[in-house]
Protein backbone atom coordinates (compact mmCIF):
# COMPACT_ATOMS: atom_id res chain seq x y z
CA UNK A 1 0.00 0.00 0.00
CA UNK A 2 2.68 2.52 0.99
CA UNK A 3 5.00 1.82 -1.94
CA UNK A 4 2.44 3.46 -4.24
CA UNK A 5 3.02 6.83 -2.57
CA UNK A 6 5.58 8.92 -4.43
CA UNK A 7 7.40 10.00 -1.27
CA UNK A 8 8.11 6.38 -0.34
CA UNK A 9 9.12 5.50 -3.90
CA UNK A 10 11.49 8.47 -4.00
CA UNK A 11 12.98 7.63 -0.60
CA UNK A 12 13.53 4.03 -1.69
CA UNK A 13 15.15 5.15 -4.94
CA UNK A 14 17.42 7.50 -2.99
CA UNK A 15 18.45 4.71 -0.61
CA UNK A 16 19.18 2.36 -3.54
CA UNK A 17 21.22 5.06 -5.26
CA UNK A 18 23.20 5.66 -2.06
CA UNK A 19 23.89 1.95 -1.70
CA UNK A 20 25.08 1.70 -5.28
CA UNK A 21 27.22 4.80 -4.80
CA UNK A 22 28.80 3.26 -1.69
CA UNK A 23 29.52 0.03 -3.60
CA UNK A 24 31.16 1.94 -6.46
CA UNK A 25 33.29 3.88 -3.97
CA UNK A 26 34.35 0.63 -2.25
CA UNK A 27 35.25 -0.87 -5.63
CA UNK A 28 37.33 2.18 -6.48
CA UNK A 29 39.16 2.02 -3.14
CA UNK A 30 39.83 -1.69 -3.61
CA UNK A 31 41.42 -0.96 -6.99
CA UNK A 32 43.45 2.07 -5.87
CA UNK A 33 46.72 0.34 -6.72
CA UNK A 34 45.59 -1.51 -9.85
CA UNK A 35 47.54 -0.24 -12.86
CA UNK A 36 45.31 1.23 -15.56
CA UNK A 37 42.13 1.13 -13.45
CA UNK A 38 39.69 3.95 -14.18
CA UNK A 39 37.69 5.17 -11.21
CA UNK A 40 33.93 4.81 -11.67
CA UNK A 41 31.28 7.28 -10.60
CA UNK A 42 27.51 7.62 -10.62
CA UNK A 43 25.59 10.66 -11.79
CA UNK A 44 23.86 12.66 -9.07
CA UNK A 45 20.60 11.28 -7.70
CA UNK A 46 18.67 14.32 -8.92
CA UNK A 47 19.60 13.68 -12.54
CA UNK A 48 18.81 9.97 -12.33
CA UNK A 49 15.44 10.71 -10.72
CA UNK A 50 14.51 13.22 -13.41
CA UNK A 51 15.43 10.71 -16.09
CA UNK A 52 13.41 7.93 -14.52
CA UNK A 53 10.30 10.10 -14.17
CA UNK A 54 10.25 10.94 -17.87
CA UNK A 55 10.87 7.38 -19.12
CA UNK A 56 8.44 4.53 -19.25
CA UNK A 57 8.74 2.11 -16.36
CA UNK A 58 7.65 -1.49 -16.18
CA UNK A 59 5.63 -2.26 -13.08
CA UNK A 60 5.87 -6.00 -13.64
CA UNK A 61 8.06 -8.27 -15.75
CA UNK A 62 5.26 -9.09 -18.21
CA UNK A 63 5.14 -5.56 -19.60
CA UNK A 64 6.51 -5.13 -23.09
CA UNK A 65 7.75 -1.54 -22.75
CA UNK A 66 9.60 0.23 -20.03
CA UNK A 67 12.35 -0.70 -17.68
CA UNK A 68 12.10 -2.48 -14.40
CA UNK A 69 14.36 -1.65 -11.42
CA UNK A 70 17.62 -0.96 -13.16
CA UNK A 71 20.64 0.72 -11.73
CA UNK A 72 22.11 3.78 -13.37
CA UNK A 73 25.13 3.16 -15.55
CA UNK A 74 28.46 4.25 -14.15
CA UNK A 75 30.92 6.40 -16.01
CA UNK A 76 34.68 6.66 -15.82
CA UNK A 77 36.03 9.53 -13.79
CA UNK A 78 38.41 11.62 -15.86
CA UNK A 79 40.64 13.03 -13.16
CA UNK A 80 44.40 13.22 -13.12
CA UNK A 81 46.15 9.93 -13.72
CA UNK A 82 48.91 8.36 -11.71
CA UNK A 83 52.02 7.30 -13.63
CA UNK A 84 50.59 3.75 -13.77
CA UNK A 85 47.37 4.97 -15.45
CA UNK A 86 45.17 4.69 -12.34
CA UNK A 87 42.64 7.51 -11.73
CA UNK A 88 41.56 6.60 -8.17
CA UNK A 89 42.02 9.34 -5.58
CA UNK A 90 41.52 8.06 -2.04
CA UNK A 91 40.61 11.54 -0.84
CA UNK A 92 37.81 11.82 -3.40
CA UNK A 93 36.62 8.31 -2.55
CA UNK A 94 36.41 9.18 1.15
CA UNK A 95 34.28 12.21 0.28
CA UNK A 96 32.08 10.07 -2.00
CA UNK A 97 31.63 7.45 0.75
CA UNK A 98 30.59 10.11 3.28
CA UNK A 99 28.22 11.64 0.72
CA UNK A 100 26.65 8.21 0.12
CA UNK A 101 26.13 7.73 3.87
CA UNK A 102 24.52 11.15 4.18
CA UNK A 103 22.26 10.43 1.22
CA UNK A 104 21.22 7.10 2.75
CA UNK A 105 20.55 8.73 6.13
CA UNK A 106 18.49 11.42 4.38
CA UNK A 107 16.41 8.76 2.60
CA UNK A 108 15.74 6.97 5.90
CA UNK A 109 14.78 10.26 7.57
CA UNK A 110 12.32 11.04 4.76
CA UNK A 111 10.85 7.56 5.09
CA UNK A 112 10.55 7.78 8.89
CA UNK A 113 9.00 11.24 8.84
CA UNK A 114 6.52 10.25 6.15
CA UNK A 115 5.47 7.25 8.22
CA UNK A 116 5.00 9.56 11.21
CA UNK A 117 2.75 11.84 9.16
CA UNK A 118 0.66 8.88 7.99
CA UNK A 119 0.40 7.50 11.54
CA UNK A 120 -0.65 10.92 12.86
CA UNK A 121 -3.29 11.26 10.12
CA UNK A 122 -4.66 7.83 11.08
CA UNK A 123 -4.72 8.79 14.77
CA UNK A 124 -1.97 6.38 15.78
CA UNK A 125 1.19 7.39 17.57
C-alpha atoms as a PDB file:
ATOM      1  CA  UNK A   1       0.000   0.000   0.000  1.00  0.00           C
ATOM      2  CA  UNK A   2       2.684   2.523   0.994  1.00  0.00           C
ATOM      3  CA  UNK A   3       5.004   1.820  -1.936  1.00  0.00           C
ATOM      4  CA  UNK A   4       2.444   3.458  -4.241  1.00  0.00           C
ATOM      5  CA  UNK A   5       3.022   6.825  -2.569  1.00  0.00           C
ATOM      6  CA  UNK A   6       5.583   8.919  -4.432  1.00  0.00           C
ATOM      7  CA  UNK A   7       7.401  10.005  -1.270  1.00  0.00           C
ATOM      8  CA  UNK A   8       8.112   6.380  -0.344  1.00  0.00           C
ATOM      9  CA  UNK A   9       9.124   5.500  -3.896  1.00  0.00           C
ATOM     10  CA  UNK A  10      11.493   8.469  -4.004  1.00  0.00           C
ATOM     11  CA  UNK A  11      12.981   7.631  -0.595  1.00  0.00           C
ATOM     12  CA  UNK A  12      13.525   4.029  -1.687  1.00  0.00           C
ATOM     13  CA  UNK A  13      15.155   5.149  -4.944  1.00  0.00           C
ATOM     14  CA  UNK A  14      17.419   7.501  -2.991  1.00  0.00           C
ATOM     15  CA  UNK A  15      18.450   4.710  -0.611  1.00  0.00           C
ATOM     16  CA  UNK A  16      19.175   2.362  -3.537  1.00  0.00           C
ATOM     17  CA  UNK A  17      21.217   5.057  -5.259  1.00  0.00           C
ATOM     18  CA  UNK A  18      23.196   5.664  -2.057  1.00  0.00           C
ATOM     19  CA  UNK A  19      23.885   1.950  -1.697  1.00  0.00           C
ATOM     20  CA  UNK A  20      25.078   1.704  -5.277  1.00  0.00           C
ATOM     21  CA  UNK A  21      27.221   4.804  -4.804  1.00  0.00           C
ATOM     22  CA  UNK A  22      28.799   3.258  -1.695  1.00  0.00           C
ATOM     23  CA  UNK A  23      29.518   0.028  -3.605  1.00  0.00           C
ATOM     24  CA  UNK A  24      31.163   1.940  -6.465  1.00  0.00           C
ATOM     25  CA  UNK A  25      33.288   3.876  -3.974  1.00  0.00           C
ATOM     26  CA  UNK A  26      34.355   0.632  -2.253  1.00  0.00           C
ATOM     27  CA  UNK A  27      35.253  -0.875  -5.629  1.00  0.00           C
ATOM     28  CA  UNK A  28      37.333   2.181  -6.483  1.00  0.00           C
ATOM     29  CA  UNK A  29      39.162   2.022  -3.143  1.00  0.00           C
ATOM     30  CA  UNK A  30      39.829  -1.686  -3.607  1.00  0.00           C
ATOM     31  CA  UNK A  31      41.423  -0.962  -6.989  1.00  0.00           C
ATOM     32  CA  UNK A  32      43.445   2.072  -5.869  1.00  0.00           C
ATOM     33  CA  UNK A  33      46.723   0.337  -6.719  1.00  0.00           C
ATOM     34  CA  UNK A  34      45.594  -1.514  -9.848  1.00  0.00           C
ATOM     35  CA  UNK A  35      47.544  -0.239 -12.864  1.00  0.00           C
ATOM     36  CA  UNK A  36      45.309   1.231 -15.562  1.00  0.00           C
ATOM     37  CA  UNK A  37      42.133   1.131 -13.454  1.00  0.00           C
ATOM     38  CA  UNK A  38      39.695   3.953 -14.182  1.00  0.00           C
ATOM     39  CA  UNK A  39      37.686   5.171 -11.213  1.00  0.00           C
ATOM     40  CA  UNK A  40      33.925   4.810 -11.672  1.00  0.00           C
ATOM     41  CA  UNK A  41      31.276   7.278 -10.604  1.00  0.00           C
ATOM     42  CA  UNK A  42      27.509   7.620 -10.620  1.00  0.00           C
ATOM     43  CA  UNK A  43      25.585  10.655 -11.787  1.00  0.00           C
ATOM     44  CA  UNK A  44      23.858  12.663  -9.075  1.00  0.00           C
ATOM     45  CA  UNK A  45      20.597  11.283  -7.704  1.00  0.00           C
ATOM     46  CA  UNK A  46      18.669  14.320  -8.922  1.00  0.00           C
ATOM     47  CA  UNK A  47      19.604  13.683 -12.545  1.00  0.00           C
ATOM     48  CA  UNK A  48      18.808   9.970 -12.331  1.00  0.00           C
ATOM     49  CA  UNK A  49      15.441  10.712 -10.716  1.00  0.00           C
ATOM     50  CA  UNK A  50      14.510  13.217 -13.406  1.00  0.00           C
ATOM     51  CA  UNK A  51      15.427  10.712 -16.091  1.00  0.00           C
ATOM     52  CA  UNK A  52      13.415   7.928 -14.523  1.00  0.00           C
ATOM     53  CA  UNK A  53      10.303  10.097 -14.169  1.00  0.00           C
ATOM     54  CA  UNK A  54      10.251  10.941 -17.869  1.00  0.00           C
ATOM     55  CA  UNK A  55      10.874   7.379 -19.119  1.00  0.00           C
ATOM     56  CA  UNK A  56       8.439   4.528 -19.250  1.00  0.00           C
ATOM     57  CA  UNK A  57       8.744   2.112 -16.358  1.00  0.00           C
ATOM     58  CA  UNK A  58       7.654  -1.489 -16.179  1.00  0.00           C
ATOM     59  CA  UNK A  59       5.630  -2.260 -13.078  1.00  0.00           C
ATOM     60  CA  UNK A  60       5.869  -6.001 -13.643  1.00  0.00           C
ATOM     61  CA  UNK A  61       8.057  -8.271 -15.746  1.00  0.00           C
ATOM     62  CA  UNK A  62       5.259  -9.094 -18.205  1.00  0.00           C
ATOM     63  CA  UNK A  63       5.145  -5.560 -19.604  1.00  0.00           C
ATOM     64  CA  UNK A  64       6.509  -5.133 -23.092  1.00  0.00           C
ATOM     65  CA  UNK A  65       7.755  -1.543 -22.748  1.00  0.00           C
ATOM     66  CA  UNK A  66       9.599   0.233 -20.028  1.00  0.00           C
ATOM     67  CA  UNK A  67      12.346  -0.703 -17.676  1.00  0.00           C
ATOM     68  CA  UNK A  68      12.104  -2.484 -14.404  1.00  0.00           C
ATOM     69  CA  UNK A  69      14.361  -1.653 -11.417  1.00  0.00           C
ATOM     70  CA  UNK A  70      17.622  -0.965 -13.158  1.00  0.00           C
ATOM     71  CA  UNK A  71      20.637   0.719 -11.732  1.00  0.00           C
ATOM     72  CA  UNK A  72      22.108   3.780 -13.366  1.00  0.00           C
ATOM     73  CA  UNK A  73      25.135   3.159 -15.545  1.00  0.00           C
ATOM     74  CA  UNK A  74      28.459   4.254 -14.145  1.00  0.00           C
ATOM     75  CA  UNK A  75      30.915   6.400 -16.013  1.00  0.00           C
ATOM     76  CA  UNK A  76      34.682   6.657 -15.820  1.00  0.00           C
ATOM     77  CA  UNK A  77      36.027   9.528 -13.787  1.00  0.00           C
ATOM     78  CA  UNK A  78      38.414  11.618 -15.862  1.00  0.00           C
ATOM     79  CA  UNK A  79      40.640  13.033 -13.157  1.00  0.00           C
ATOM     80  CA  UNK A  80      44.401  13.220 -13.115  1.00  0.00           C
ATOM     81  CA  UNK A  81      46.154   9.934 -13.720  1.00  0.00           C
ATOM     82  CA  UNK A  82      48.913   8.359 -11.707  1.00  0.00           C
ATOM     83  CA  UNK A  83      52.021   7.303 -13.625  1.00  0.00           C
ATOM     84  CA  UNK A  84      50.594   3.750 -13.767  1.00  0.00           C
ATOM     85  CA  UNK A  85      47.365   4.971 -15.449  1.00  0.00           C
ATOM     86  CA  UNK A  86      45.169   4.694 -12.339  1.00  0.00           C
ATOM     87  CA  UNK A  87      42.643   7.508 -11.731  1.00  0.00           C
ATOM     88  CA  UNK A  88      41.557   6.602  -8.172  1.00  0.00           C
ATOM     89  CA  UNK A  89      42.020   9.342  -5.579  1.00  0.00           C
ATOM     90  CA  UNK A  90      41.521   8.060  -2.041  1.00  0.00           C
ATOM     91  CA  UNK A  91      40.605  11.540  -0.843  1.00  0.00           C
ATOM     92  CA  UNK A  92      37.806  11.820  -3.397  1.00  0.00           C
ATOM     93  CA  UNK A  93      36.618   8.306  -2.548  1.00  0.00           C
ATOM     94  CA  UNK A  94      36.415   9.183   1.153  1.00  0.00           C
ATOM     95  CA  UNK A  95      34.282  12.214   0.278  1.00  0.00           C
ATOM     96  CA  UNK A  96      32.082  10.072  -2.003  1.00  0.00           C
ATOM     97  CA  UNK A  97      31.625   7.454   0.747  1.00  0.00           C
ATOM     98  CA  UNK A  98      30.589  10.112   3.283  1.00  0.00           C
ATOM     99  CA  UNK A  99      28.217  11.637   0.724  1.00  0.00           C
ATOM    100  CA  UNK A 100      26.651   8.211   0.116  1.00  0.00           C
ATOM    101  CA  UNK A 101      26.133   7.729   3.867  1.00  0.00           C
ATOM    102  CA  UNK A 102      24.516  11.150   4.181  1.00  0.00           C
ATOM    103  CA  UNK A 103      22.261  10.428   1.217  1.00  0.00           C
ATOM    104  CA  UNK A 104      21.221   7.102   2.752  1.00  0.00           C
ATOM    105  CA  UNK A 105      20.551   8.733   6.130  1.00  0.00           C
ATOM    106  CA  UNK A 106      18.485  11.419   4.379  1.00  0.00           C
ATOM    107  CA  UNK A 107      16.413   8.763   2.595  1.00  0.00           C
ATOM    108  CA  UNK A 108      15.744   6.974   5.898  1.00  0.00           C
ATOM    109  CA  UNK A 109      14.775  10.261   7.569  1.00  0.00           C
ATOM    110  CA  UNK A 110      12.319  11.038   4.764  1.00  0.00           C
ATOM    111  CA  UNK A 111      10.847   7.557   5.085  1.00  0.00           C
ATOM    112  CA  UNK A 112      10.554   7.777   8.889  1.00  0.00           C
ATOM    113  CA  UNK A 113       9.002  11.241   8.841  1.00  0.00           C
ATOM    114  CA  UNK A 114       6.519  10.248   6.147  1.00  0.00           C
ATOM    115  CA  UNK A 115       5.466   7.255   8.219  1.00  0.00           C
ATOM    116  CA  UNK A 116       4.999   9.560  11.214  1.00  0.00           C
ATOM    117  CA  UNK A 117       2.748  11.838   9.163  1.00  0.00           C
ATOM    118  CA  UNK A 118       0.660   8.884   7.993  1.00  0.00           C
ATOM    119  CA  UNK A 119       0.403   7.503  11.537  1.00  0.00           C
ATOM    120  CA  UNK A 120      -0.654  10.919  12.857  1.00  0.00           C
ATOM    121  CA  UNK A 121      -3.287  11.258  10.124  1.00  0.00           C
ATOM    122  CA  UNK A 122      -4.661   7.832  11.080  1.00  0.00           C
ATOM    123  CA  UNK A 123      -4.720   8.786  14.767  1.00  0.00           C
ATOM    124  CA  UNK A 124      -1.972   6.378  15.779  1.00  0.00           C
ATOM    125  CA  UNK A 125       1.187   7.391  17.574  1.00  0.00           C
END
